Amino acid sequence: MANRTGNYSAFYVKEPFKQTNLGAKIAKDFVYYNTLRMWKGKDASFPFVDSHMKNYNVRDGSDWETTLKPRLRDRLNKSKNIILFLSSNTSNSQALREEIDFGINNNELPIIVIYPEYKEKSDIINCDSKTFKKQIKDLWDKLPIFRDSMSEVPTIHIPNNKALIEKTLKDSDFNVATKKEPGRSYYPC
């Protein structure tokens, strides 16, 4: 069994992606992932352990079946959860489908969904009816494998708020070894 200490970050980038300064600025969801890395760099106690650093990087243009897919799976096998950045930029790419499908349906990893374009809890749910807002449900449709599989694992849906992200990363309910029952969660308004 792999050492499951990492947080696997899943986000959309247009393929093929080049991690250059220009590429990172164009790929908005990649910028959100880099924000987690920056917070960790500034504060070693920030509870983010980057699963993408648990094996070596690959070059652009690497073969999907023999290099990229096995690398993603290895990183997921070393992860305790998935942080999914879901935004209006998200597209149903081959890599993102693989990450979510393997992470949920093979590894049963809890999902922390961060909505980068929203800053408040009330942006995610209707505070009166305690239901997810339409704009959030519409984002689920951008990634059908997530929408159709999320009921299999615990998921929590949060805005792009550093304090809430930190709180969630520390929450044992969203760790594969100590996870709570499957279902959709959110922080009440």
N, C-alpha and C. Protein backbone atom coordinates (compact mmCIF):
# COMPACT_ATOMS: atom_id res chain seq x y z
N MET A 1 0.84 -1.18 0.00
CA MET A 1 0.00 0.00 0.00
C MET A 1 0.88 1.24 0.00
N ALA A 2 0.54 2.17 -0.84
CA ALA A 2 1.29 3.42 -0.96
C ALA A 2 1.08 4.29 0.27
N ASN A 3 2.04 5.16 0.52
CA ASN A 3 1.93 6.13 1.59
C ASN A 3 0.97 7.23 1.14
N ARG A 4 -0.25 7.21 1.65
CA ARG A 4 -1.31 8.12 1.20
C ARG A 4 -1.32 9.40 2.03
N THR A 5 -0.36 10.26 1.77
CA THR A 5 -0.26 11.50 2.52
C THR A 5 -0.52 12.73 1.66
N GLY A 6 -0.61 12.56 0.36
CA GLY A 6 -0.70 13.71 -0.54
C GLY A 6 -2.10 14.17 -0.83
N ASN A 7 -2.17 15.42 -1.27
CA ASN A 7 -3.40 16.01 -1.80
C ASN A 7 -3.21 16.09 -3.31
N TYR A 8 -4.03 15.34 -4.04
CA TYR A 8 -3.92 15.34 -5.49
C TYR A 8 -4.76 16.48 -6.05
N SER A 9 -4.13 17.40 -6.74
CA SER A 9 -4.84 18.53 -7.33
C SER A 9 -5.22 18.20 -8.77
N ALA A 10 -6.51 18.29 -9.05
CA ALA A 10 -7.03 18.04 -10.40
C ALA A 10 -7.61 19.35 -10.93
N PHE A 11 -7.21 19.69 -12.14
CA PHE A 11 -7.64 20.95 -12.74
C PHE A 11 -7.50 20.82 -14.24
N TYR A 12 -8.25 21.63 -14.94
CA TYR A 12 -8.21 21.58 -16.40
C TYR A 12 -7.09 22.46 -16.94
N VAL A 13 -6.34 21.90 -17.87
CA VAL A 13 -5.42 22.68 -18.69
C VAL A 13 -5.61 22.21 -20.13
N LYS A 14 -5.56 23.16 -21.04
CA LYS A 14 -5.69 22.82 -22.44
C LYS A 14 -4.50 21.96 -22.84
N GLU A 15 -4.77 20.93 -23.59
CA GLU A 15 -3.72 19.99 -24.01
C GLU A 15 -3.26 20.33 -25.42
N PRO A 16 -1.98 20.24 -25.73
CA PRO A 16 -0.89 19.96 -24.80
C PRO A 16 -0.55 21.20 -24.00
N PHE A 17 -0.13 21.01 -22.75
CA PHE A 17 0.17 22.10 -21.83
C PHE A 17 1.67 22.22 -21.65
N LYS A 18 2.16 23.43 -21.68
CA LYS A 18 3.57 23.68 -21.42
C LYS A 18 3.65 24.55 -20.16
N GLN A 19 4.37 24.09 -19.18
CA GLN A 19 4.48 24.80 -17.91
C GLN A 19 5.53 25.89 -18.02
N THR A 20 5.27 26.85 -18.89
CA THR A 20 6.14 28.01 -19.00
C THR A 20 5.41 29.17 -18.33
N ASN A 21 6.07 30.28 -18.20
CA ASN A 21 5.41 31.43 -17.59
C ASN A 21 4.15 31.79 -18.36
N LEU A 22 4.23 31.85 -19.67
CA LEU A 22 3.06 32.18 -20.47
C LEU A 22 2.00 31.10 -20.35
N GLY A 23 2.37 29.83 -20.41
CA GLY A 23 1.41 28.74 -20.29
C GLY A 23 0.66 28.78 -18.98
N ALA A 24 1.36 29.04 -17.90
CA ALA A 24 0.73 29.09 -16.58
C ALA A 24 -0.25 30.26 -16.47
N LYS A 25 0.07 31.37 -17.10
CA LYS A 25 -0.83 32.53 -17.04
C LYS A 25 -2.07 32.32 -17.89
N ILE A 26 -1.96 31.55 -18.93
CA ILE A 26 -3.10 31.27 -19.81
C ILE A 26 -4.01 30.23 -19.16
N ALA A 27 -3.47 29.26 -18.48
CA ALA A 27 -4.25 28.16 -17.88
C ALA A 27 -4.70 28.58 -16.49
N LYS A 28 -5.89 29.18 -16.43
CA LYS A 28 -6.37 29.75 -15.16
C LYS A 28 -6.46 28.72 -14.05
N ASP A 29 -6.95 27.52 -14.33
CA ASP A 29 -7.09 26.54 -13.26
C ASP A 29 -5.72 26.11 -12.74
N PHE A 30 -4.69 26.15 -13.58
CA PHE A 30 -3.32 25.86 -13.14
C PHE A 30 -2.84 26.92 -12.15
N VAL A 31 -3.26 28.16 -12.36
CA VAL A 31 -2.89 29.25 -11.46
C VAL A 31 -3.45 28.99 -10.07
N TYR A 32 -4.67 28.46 -9.98
CA TYR A 32 -5.27 28.17 -8.66
C TYR A 32 -4.47 27.09 -7.93
N TYR A 33 -4.05 26.07 -8.65
CA TYR A 33 -3.19 25.03 -8.08
C TYR A 33 -1.88 25.66 -7.58
N ASN A 34 -1.30 26.55 -8.37
CA ASN A 34 -0.07 27.21 -7.96
C ASN A 34 -0.27 28.07 -6.71
N THR A 35 -1.49 28.56 -6.51
CA THR A 35 -1.77 29.32 -5.30
C THR A 35 -1.60 28.44 -4.06
N LEU A 36 -2.09 27.19 -4.13
CA LEU A 36 -1.87 26.26 -3.01
C LEU A 36 -0.38 26.07 -2.74
N ARG A 37 0.38 25.90 -3.80
CA ARG A 37 1.82 25.72 -3.66
C ARG A 37 2.49 26.96 -3.05
N MET A 38 2.00 28.13 -3.47
CA MET A 38 2.55 29.38 -2.94
C MET A 38 2.24 29.51 -1.44
N TRP A 39 1.00 29.20 -1.05
CA TRP A 39 0.65 29.26 0.37
C TRP A 39 1.52 28.33 1.19
N LYS A 40 1.77 27.14 0.66
CA LYS A 40 2.64 26.18 1.36
C LYS A 40 4.07 26.72 1.44
N GLY A 41 4.54 27.33 0.36
CA GLY A 41 5.89 27.89 0.33
C GLY A 41 6.08 29.01 1.35
N LYS A 42 5.04 29.80 1.55
CA LYS A 42 5.11 30.91 2.51
C LYS A 42 4.92 30.46 3.95
N ASP A 43 4.21 29.33 4.12
CA ASP A 43 3.89 28.86 5.47
C ASP A 43 3.95 27.34 5.48
N ALA A 44 5.02 26.79 6.01
CA ALA A 44 5.22 25.33 6.00
C ALA A 44 4.12 24.60 6.75
N SER A 45 3.39 25.28 7.64
CA SER A 45 2.31 24.61 8.38
C SER A 45 1.01 24.53 7.58
N PHE A 46 0.94 25.19 6.43
CA PHE A 46 -0.27 25.10 5.61
C PHE A 46 -0.41 23.63 5.18
N PRO A 47 -1.57 23.01 5.42
CA PRO A 47 -1.70 21.55 5.31
C PRO A 47 -1.87 20.99 3.90
N PHE A 48 -1.07 21.47 2.97
CA PHE A 48 -1.12 20.97 1.59
C PHE A 48 0.14 20.17 1.31
N VAL A 49 -0.05 18.90 0.92
CA VAL A 49 1.05 18.04 0.52
C VAL A 49 0.83 17.70 -0.94
N ASP A 50 1.66 18.22 -1.79
CA ASP A 50 1.47 18.14 -3.24
C ASP A 50 1.79 16.76 -3.80
N SER A 51 0.76 16.01 -4.17
CA SER A 51 0.96 14.68 -4.75
C SER A 51 1.70 14.73 -6.08
N HIS A 52 1.64 15.87 -6.76
CA HIS A 52 2.34 15.97 -8.04
C HIS A 52 3.86 15.98 -7.87
N MET A 53 4.31 16.14 -6.62
CA MET A 53 5.73 16.10 -6.34
C MET A 53 6.19 14.71 -5.89
N LYS A 54 5.29 13.73 -5.90
CA LYS A 54 5.60 12.39 -5.40
C LYS A 54 6.21 11.47 -6.46
N ASN A 55 6.27 11.92 -7.68
CA ASN A 55 7.04 11.21 -8.71
C ASN A 55 7.53 12.23 -9.71
N TYR A 56 8.38 11.81 -10.60
CA TYR A 56 9.01 12.78 -11.48
C TYR A 56 8.05 13.27 -12.55
N ASN A 57 8.30 14.49 -12.99
CA ASN A 57 7.46 15.11 -14.01
C ASN A 57 7.73 14.49 -15.36
N VAL A 58 6.81 14.72 -16.26
CA VAL A 58 6.94 14.20 -17.61
C VAL A 58 7.07 15.36 -18.58
N ARG A 59 7.56 15.05 -19.76
CA ARG A 59 7.70 16.07 -20.79
C ARG A 59 6.41 16.19 -21.58
N ASP A 60 6.17 17.39 -22.08
CA ASP A 60 5.04 17.57 -22.98
C ASP A 60 5.22 16.63 -24.16
N GLY A 61 4.15 16.06 -24.62
CA GLY A 61 4.21 15.15 -25.75
C GLY A 61 4.49 13.71 -25.36
N SER A 62 4.59 13.41 -24.06
CA SER A 62 4.79 12.03 -23.63
C SER A 62 3.58 11.19 -24.01
N ASP A 63 3.80 9.92 -24.22
CA ASP A 63 2.73 9.01 -24.62
C ASP A 63 1.71 8.86 -23.49
N TRP A 64 0.41 8.95 -23.83
CA TRP A 64 -0.66 8.87 -22.84
C TRP A 64 -0.67 7.53 -22.12
N GLU A 65 -0.71 6.44 -22.85
CA GLU A 65 -0.88 5.11 -22.26
C GLU A 65 0.36 4.63 -21.50
N THR A 66 1.54 4.89 -22.03
CA THR A 66 2.75 4.33 -21.41
C THR A 66 3.41 5.24 -20.38
N THR A 67 3.11 6.54 -20.44
CA THR A 67 3.78 7.46 -19.52
C THR A 67 2.81 8.31 -18.69
N LEU A 68 1.97 9.07 -19.36
CA LEU A 68 1.13 10.03 -18.63
C LEU A 68 0.10 9.36 -17.73
N LYS A 69 -0.68 8.45 -18.26
CA LYS A 69 -1.73 7.80 -17.47
C LYS A 69 -1.14 7.03 -16.28
N PRO A 70 -0.09 6.23 -16.46
CA PRO A 70 0.51 5.56 -15.30
C PRO A 70 1.04 6.54 -14.25
N ARG A 71 1.57 7.68 -14.68
CA ARG A 71 2.09 8.68 -13.74
C ARG A 71 0.96 9.28 -12.91
N LEU A 72 -0.16 9.61 -13.58
CA LEU A 72 -1.32 10.13 -12.85
C LEU A 72 -1.81 9.13 -11.82
N ARG A 73 -1.92 7.87 -12.24
CA ARG A 73 -2.41 6.82 -11.34
C ARG A 73 -1.47 6.62 -10.16
N ASP A 74 -0.18 6.68 -10.40
CA ASP A 74 0.79 6.53 -9.30
C ASP A 74 0.60 7.66 -8.29
N ARG A 75 0.42 8.87 -8.77
CA ARG A 75 0.22 10.00 -7.86
C ARG A 75 -1.10 9.85 -7.09
N LEU A 76 -2.14 9.41 -7.77
CA LEU A 76 -3.43 9.19 -7.10
C LEU A 76 -3.32 8.08 -6.05
N ASN A 77 -2.54 7.06 -6.35
CA ASN A 77 -2.35 5.96 -5.39
C ASN A 77 -1.62 6.42 -4.12
N LYS A 78 -0.94 7.55 -4.19
CA LYS A 78 -0.19 8.10 -3.06
C LYS A 78 -0.95 9.25 -2.39
N SER A 79 -2.22 9.40 -2.72
CA SER A 79 -3.00 10.54 -2.24
C SER A 79 -4.07 10.14 -1.26
N LYS A 80 -4.39 11.06 -0.35
CA LYS A 80 -5.46 10.83 0.62
C LYS A 80 -6.77 11.46 0.19
N ASN A 81 -6.71 12.37 -0.79
CA ASN A 81 -7.90 13.01 -1.32
C ASN A 81 -7.56 13.70 -2.63
N ILE A 82 -8.60 14.23 -3.25
CA ILE A 82 -8.43 15.01 -4.48
C ILE A 82 -8.97 16.40 -4.23
N ILE A 83 -8.20 17.39 -4.62
CA ILE A 83 -8.66 18.77 -4.66
C ILE A 83 -9.01 19.05 -6.11
N LEU A 84 -10.28 19.25 -6.39
CA LEU A 84 -10.74 19.52 -7.75
C LEU A 84 -11.07 20.99 -7.88
N PHE A 85 -10.37 21.68 -8.78
CA PHE A 85 -10.70 23.06 -9.10
C PHE A 85 -11.72 23.02 -10.23
N LEU A 86 -12.92 23.50 -9.96
CA LEU A 86 -14.01 23.45 -10.93
C LEU A 86 -14.47 24.87 -11.21
N SER A 87 -14.27 25.29 -12.46
CA SER A 87 -14.57 26.67 -12.82
C SER A 87 -15.20 26.73 -14.21
N SER A 88 -15.53 27.94 -14.63
CA SER A 88 -16.09 28.11 -15.97
C SER A 88 -15.07 27.75 -17.04
N ASN A 89 -13.79 27.68 -16.68
CA ASN A 89 -12.74 27.29 -17.62
C ASN A 89 -12.61 25.79 -17.78
N THR A 90 -13.17 25.04 -16.86
CA THR A 90 -13.02 23.59 -16.85
C THR A 90 -13.64 22.99 -18.09
N SER A 91 -12.92 22.04 -18.67
CA SER A 91 -13.41 21.29 -19.82
C SER A 91 -13.18 19.80 -19.56
N ASN A 92 -13.95 18.98 -20.20
CA ASN A 92 -13.94 17.54 -19.99
C ASN A 92 -12.77 16.89 -20.74
N SER A 93 -11.56 17.18 -20.32
CA SER A 93 -10.36 16.68 -20.99
C SER A 93 -10.10 15.22 -20.62
N GLN A 94 -9.31 14.56 -21.44
CA GLN A 94 -8.96 13.15 -21.21
C GLN A 94 -8.26 12.99 -19.85
N ALA A 95 -7.32 13.85 -19.55
CA ALA A 95 -6.57 13.74 -18.29
C ALA A 95 -7.49 13.97 -17.09
N LEU A 96 -8.33 14.98 -17.14
CA LEU A 96 -9.21 15.28 -16.01
C LEU A 96 -10.22 14.15 -15.80
N ARG A 97 -10.76 13.61 -16.88
CA ARG A 97 -11.67 12.45 -16.76
C ARG A 97 -10.95 11.28 -16.10
N GLU A 98 -9.74 10.99 -16.50
CA GLU A 98 -8.97 9.88 -15.93
C GLU A 98 -8.70 10.11 -14.45
N GLU A 99 -8.28 11.31 -14.10
CA GLU A 99 -7.98 11.61 -12.70
C GLU A 99 -9.20 11.40 -11.81
N ILE A 100 -10.33 11.93 -12.23
CA ILE A 100 -11.55 11.83 -11.42
C ILE A 100 -12.09 10.41 -11.42
N ASP A 101 -12.13 9.77 -12.56
CA ASP A 101 -12.65 8.40 -12.65
C ASP A 101 -11.81 7.44 -11.80
N PHE A 102 -10.49 7.46 -11.97
CA PHE A 102 -9.62 6.58 -11.21
C PHE A 102 -9.63 6.94 -9.72
N GLY A 103 -9.61 8.23 -9.43
CA GLY A 103 -9.60 8.67 -8.04
C GLY A 103 -10.85 8.28 -7.28
N ILE A 104 -12.01 8.42 -7.90
CA ILE A 104 -13.27 8.08 -7.23
C ILE A 104 -13.57 6.59 -7.35
N ASN A 105 -13.59 6.09 -8.56
CA ASN A 105 -14.13 4.74 -8.82
C ASN A 105 -13.14 3.61 -8.56
N ASN A 106 -11.86 3.91 -8.46
CA ASN A 106 -10.87 2.89 -8.11
C ASN A 106 -10.33 3.09 -6.70
N ASN A 107 -9.98 4.32 -6.36
CA ASN A 107 -9.34 4.59 -5.08
C ASN A 107 -10.28 5.11 -4.00
N GLU A 108 -11.49 5.44 -4.36
CA GLU A 108 -12.49 5.94 -3.41
C GLU A 108 -11.99 7.14 -2.62
N LEU A 109 -11.31 8.03 -3.31
CA LEU A 109 -10.75 9.21 -2.67
C LEU A 109 -11.82 10.28 -2.45
N PRO A 110 -11.89 10.84 -1.25
CA PRO A 110 -12.78 11.98 -1.02
C PRO A 110 -12.38 13.15 -1.92
N ILE A 111 -13.36 13.97 -2.26
CA ILE A 111 -13.12 15.10 -3.16
C ILE A 111 -13.40 16.41 -2.45
N ILE A 112 -12.43 17.30 -2.50
CA ILE A 112 -12.59 18.68 -2.02
C ILE A 112 -12.73 19.52 -3.29
N VAL A 113 -13.94 20.03 -3.53
CA VAL A 113 -14.19 20.82 -4.73
C VAL A 113 -14.07 22.28 -4.38
N ILE A 114 -13.12 22.95 -5.04
CA ILE A 114 -12.93 24.38 -4.84
C ILE A 114 -13.45 25.08 -6.09
N TYR A 115 -14.30 26.05 -5.87
CA TYR A 115 -14.86 26.85 -6.96
C TYR A 115 -14.13 28.19 -6.99
N PRO A 116 -13.10 28.31 -7.82
CA PRO A 116 -12.21 29.48 -7.78
C PRO A 116 -12.89 30.81 -8.06
N GLU A 117 -13.99 30.77 -8.78
CA GLU A 117 -14.65 32.03 -9.14
C GLU A 117 -15.62 32.52 -8.06
N TYR A 118 -15.73 31.77 -6.99
CA TYR A 118 -16.64 32.13 -5.91
C TYR A 118 -15.86 32.28 -4.60
N LYS A 119 -16.19 33.29 -3.84
CA LYS A 119 -15.42 33.62 -2.63
C LYS A 119 -16.17 33.36 -1.33
N GLU A 120 -17.49 33.27 -1.38
CA GLU A 120 -18.30 33.15 -0.17
C GLU A 120 -19.07 31.84 -0.15
N LYS A 121 -19.36 31.34 1.04
CA LYS A 121 -20.18 30.12 1.17
C LYS A 121 -21.53 30.31 0.51
N SER A 122 -22.08 31.51 0.62
CA SER A 122 -23.39 31.81 0.03
C SER A 122 -23.35 31.82 -1.49
N ASP A 123 -22.17 31.81 -2.09
CA ASP A 123 -22.06 31.68 -3.55
C ASP A 123 -22.27 30.23 -3.98
N ILE A 124 -22.08 29.30 -3.06
CA ILE A 124 -22.16 27.87 -3.36
C ILE A 124 -23.56 27.32 -3.09
N ILE A 125 -24.12 27.73 -1.96
CA ILE A 125 -25.44 27.20 -1.58
C ILE A 125 -26.42 28.33 -1.32
N ASN A 126 -27.68 27.99 -1.43
CA ASN A 126 -28.74 28.89 -1.02
C ASN A 126 -28.85 28.76 0.49
N CYS A 127 -28.57 29.81 1.21
CA CYS A 127 -28.51 29.75 2.67
C CYS A 127 -29.86 29.43 3.30
N ASP A 128 -30.96 29.79 2.64
CA ASP A 128 -32.29 29.52 3.18
C ASP A 128 -32.73 28.08 2.94
N SER A 129 -32.60 27.63 1.70
CA SER A 129 -33.07 26.28 1.36
C SER A 129 -32.01 25.20 1.61
N LYS A 130 -30.78 25.63 1.85
CA LYS A 130 -29.66 24.70 2.07
C LYS A 130 -29.50 23.73 0.90
N THR A 131 -29.56 24.29 -0.29
CA THR A 131 -29.39 23.52 -1.52
C THR A 131 -28.31 24.19 -2.36
N PHE A 132 -27.68 23.39 -3.22
CA PHE A 132 -26.66 23.94 -4.11
C PHE A 132 -27.30 24.85 -5.14
N LYS A 133 -26.63 25.93 -5.43
CA LYS A 133 -27.14 26.88 -6.41
C LYS A 133 -26.99 26.31 -7.82
N LYS A 134 -27.84 26.82 -8.70
CA LYS A 134 -27.85 26.34 -10.09
C LYS A 134 -26.49 26.52 -10.76
N GLN A 135 -25.82 27.65 -10.53
CA GLN A 135 -24.53 27.88 -11.19
C GLN A 135 -23.49 26.85 -10.77
N ILE A 136 -23.64 26.28 -9.56
CA ILE A 136 -22.73 25.24 -9.10
C ILE A 136 -23.07 23.92 -9.79
N LYS A 137 -24.33 23.58 -9.81
CA LYS A 137 -24.76 22.34 -10.49
C LYS A 137 -24.41 22.38 -11.97
N ASP A 138 -24.50 23.55 -12.57
CA ASP A 138 -24.12 23.68 -13.98
C ASP A 138 -22.64 23.36 -14.19
N LEU A 139 -21.81 23.72 -13.22
CA LEU A 139 -20.38 23.40 -13.33
C LEU A 139 -20.16 21.89 -13.27
N TRP A 140 -20.97 21.18 -12.49
CA TRP A 140 -20.83 19.72 -12.43
C TRP A 140 -21.03 19.10 -13.81
N ASP A 141 -21.91 19.71 -14.61
CA ASP A 141 -22.18 19.19 -15.96
C ASP A 141 -20.97 19.33 -16.89
N LYS A 142 -20.04 20.21 -16.56
CA LYS A 142 -18.84 20.36 -17.37
C LYS A 142 -17.93 19.13 -17.26
N LEU A 143 -18.11 18.34 -16.21
CA LEU A 143 -17.29 17.16 -15.97
C LEU A 143 -18.21 15.99 -15.59
N PRO A 144 -18.84 15.36 -16.59
CA PRO A 144 -19.85 14.32 -16.31
C PRO A 144 -19.36 13.18 -15.42
N ILE A 145 -18.12 12.76 -15.53
CA ILE A 145 -17.63 11.66 -14.69
C ILE A 145 -17.68 12.07 -13.22
N PHE A 146 -17.41 13.32 -12.92
CA PHE A 146 -17.53 13.81 -11.55
C PHE A 146 -18.99 13.87 -11.13
N ARG A 147 -19.81 14.51 -11.95
CA ARG A 147 -21.23 14.63 -11.63
C ARG A 147 -21.86 13.27 -11.36
N ASP A 148 -21.54 12.28 -12.18
CA ASP A 148 -22.16 10.97 -12.09
C ASP A 148 -21.55 10.07 -11.02
N SER A 149 -20.34 10.37 -10.54
CA SER A 149 -19.65 9.52 -9.57
C SER A 149 -19.53 10.12 -8.19
N MET A 150 -19.80 11.41 -8.03
CA MET A 150 -19.53 12.05 -6.75
C MET A 150 -20.31 11.47 -5.59
N SER A 151 -21.41 10.80 -5.85
CA SER A 151 -22.20 10.21 -4.75
C SER A 151 -21.51 8.98 -4.16
N GLU A 152 -20.44 8.51 -4.77
CA GLU A 152 -19.72 7.32 -4.30
C GLU A 152 -18.71 7.62 -3.20
N VAL A 153 -18.36 8.89 -3.03
CA VAL A 153 -17.35 9.29 -2.04
C VAL A 153 -17.81 10.55 -1.31
N PRO A 154 -17.20 10.86 -0.18
CA PRO A 154 -17.51 12.15 0.46
C PRO A 154 -16.98 13.28 -0.40
N THR A 155 -17.80 14.28 -0.62
CA THR A 155 -17.36 15.49 -1.32
C THR A 155 -17.73 16.69 -0.48
N ILE A 156 -16.88 17.69 -0.53
CA ILE A 156 -17.21 18.96 0.10
C ILE A 156 -16.98 20.05 -0.94
N HIS A 157 -17.91 20.97 -1.00
CA HIS A 157 -17.92 22.02 -2.02
C HIS A 157 -17.69 23.35 -1.32
N ILE A 158 -16.58 24.01 -1.68
CA ILE A 158 -16.20 25.24 -0.97
C ILE A 158 -15.78 26.33 -1.95
N PRO A 159 -15.94 27.58 -1.51
CA PRO A 159 -15.45 28.69 -2.33
C PRO A 159 -13.93 28.80 -2.22
N ASN A 160 -13.37 29.64 -3.05
CA ASN A 160 -11.93 29.88 -3.04
C ASN A 160 -11.60 30.84 -1.90
N ASN A 161 -11.51 30.28 -0.71
CA ASN A 161 -11.30 31.03 0.51
C ASN A 161 -10.21 30.30 1.29
N LYS A 162 -9.09 30.95 1.50
CA LYS A 162 -7.94 30.28 2.12
C LYS A 162 -8.27 29.64 3.46
N ALA A 163 -9.00 30.35 4.31
CA ALA A 163 -9.32 29.79 5.63
C ALA A 163 -10.17 28.53 5.51
N LEU A 164 -11.14 28.51 4.60
CA LEU A 164 -11.98 27.31 4.41
C LEU A 164 -11.19 26.18 3.78
N ILE A 165 -10.30 26.52 2.86
CA ILE A 165 -9.46 25.48 2.24
C ILE A 165 -8.57 24.84 3.30
N GLU A 166 -7.96 25.66 4.14
CA GLU A 166 -7.09 25.14 5.21
C GLU A 166 -7.90 24.28 6.17
N LYS A 167 -9.06 24.73 6.56
CA LYS A 167 -9.93 23.97 7.47
C LYS A 167 -10.28 22.61 6.87
N THR A 168 -10.61 22.60 5.58
CA THR A 168 -11.00 21.36 4.92
C THR A 168 -9.83 20.41 4.77
N LEU A 169 -8.66 20.92 4.45
CA LEU A 169 -7.48 20.06 4.32
C LEU A 169 -7.13 19.38 5.65
N LYS A 170 -7.49 20.00 6.76
CA LYS A 170 -7.24 19.42 8.08
C LYS A 170 -8.35 18.47 8.53
N ASP A 171 -9.45 18.45 7.83
CA ASP A 171 -10.64 17.68 8.23
C ASP A 171 -10.47 16.20 7.88
N SER A 172 -10.44 15.35 8.88
CA SER A 172 -10.23 13.91 8.65
C SER A 172 -11.40 13.25 7.90
N ASP A 173 -12.54 13.91 7.84
CA ASP A 173 -13.67 13.37 7.07
C ASP A 173 -13.36 13.31 5.58
N PHE A 174 -12.35 14.06 5.15
CA PHE A 174 -12.00 14.10 3.73
C PHE A 174 -10.59 13.56 3.49
N ASN A 175 -10.27 12.50 4.24
CA ASN A 175 -9.04 11.75 4.12
C ASN A 175 -9.44 10.29 3.87
N VAL A 176 -8.86 9.64 2.89
CA VAL A 176 -9.29 8.30 2.50
C VAL A 176 -9.27 7.31 3.66
N ALA A 177 -8.33 7.44 4.58
CA ALA A 177 -8.20 6.48 5.69
C ALA A 177 -9.26 6.68 6.76
N THR A 178 -9.80 7.89 6.87
CA THR A 178 -10.74 8.20 7.96
C THR A 178 -12.02 8.86 7.44
N LYS A 179 -12.30 8.67 6.18
CA LYS A 179 -13.39 9.42 5.54
C LYS A 179 -14.76 9.09 6.12
N LYS A 180 -15.63 10.07 5.98
CA LYS A 180 -17.01 9.90 6.39
C LYS A 180 -17.79 9.19 5.28
N GLU A 181 -19.06 8.96 5.51
CA GLU A 181 -19.91 8.31 4.51
C GLU A 181 -20.01 9.16 3.24
N PRO A 182 -20.18 8.52 2.09
CA PRO A 182 -20.35 9.29 0.85
C PRO A 182 -21.51 10.28 0.93
N GLY A 183 -21.34 11.39 0.26
CA GLY A 183 -22.38 12.41 0.22
C GLY A 183 -21.79 13.77 -0.06
N ARG A 184 -22.66 14.71 -0.41
CA ARG A 184 -22.25 16.07 -0.72
C ARG A 184 -22.34 16.95 0.52
N SER A 185 -21.25 17.61 0.84
CA SER A 185 -21.19 18.49 2.01
C SER A 185 -20.83 19.90 1.59
N TYR A 186 -21.10 20.82 2.50
CA TYR A 186 -20.73 22.21 2.33
C TYR A 186 -20.71 22.84 3.71
N TYR A 187 -20.09 24.00 3.81
CA TYR A 187 -20.11 24.73 5.07
C TYR A 187 -21.34 25.64 5.06
N PRO A 188 -22.18 25.54 6.09
CA PRO A 188 -23.39 26.38 6.11
C PRO A 188 -23.06 27.86 6.19
N CYS A 189 -23.97 28.66 5.66
CA CYS A 189 -23.81 30.13 5.71
C CYS A 189 -24.13 30.62 7.11
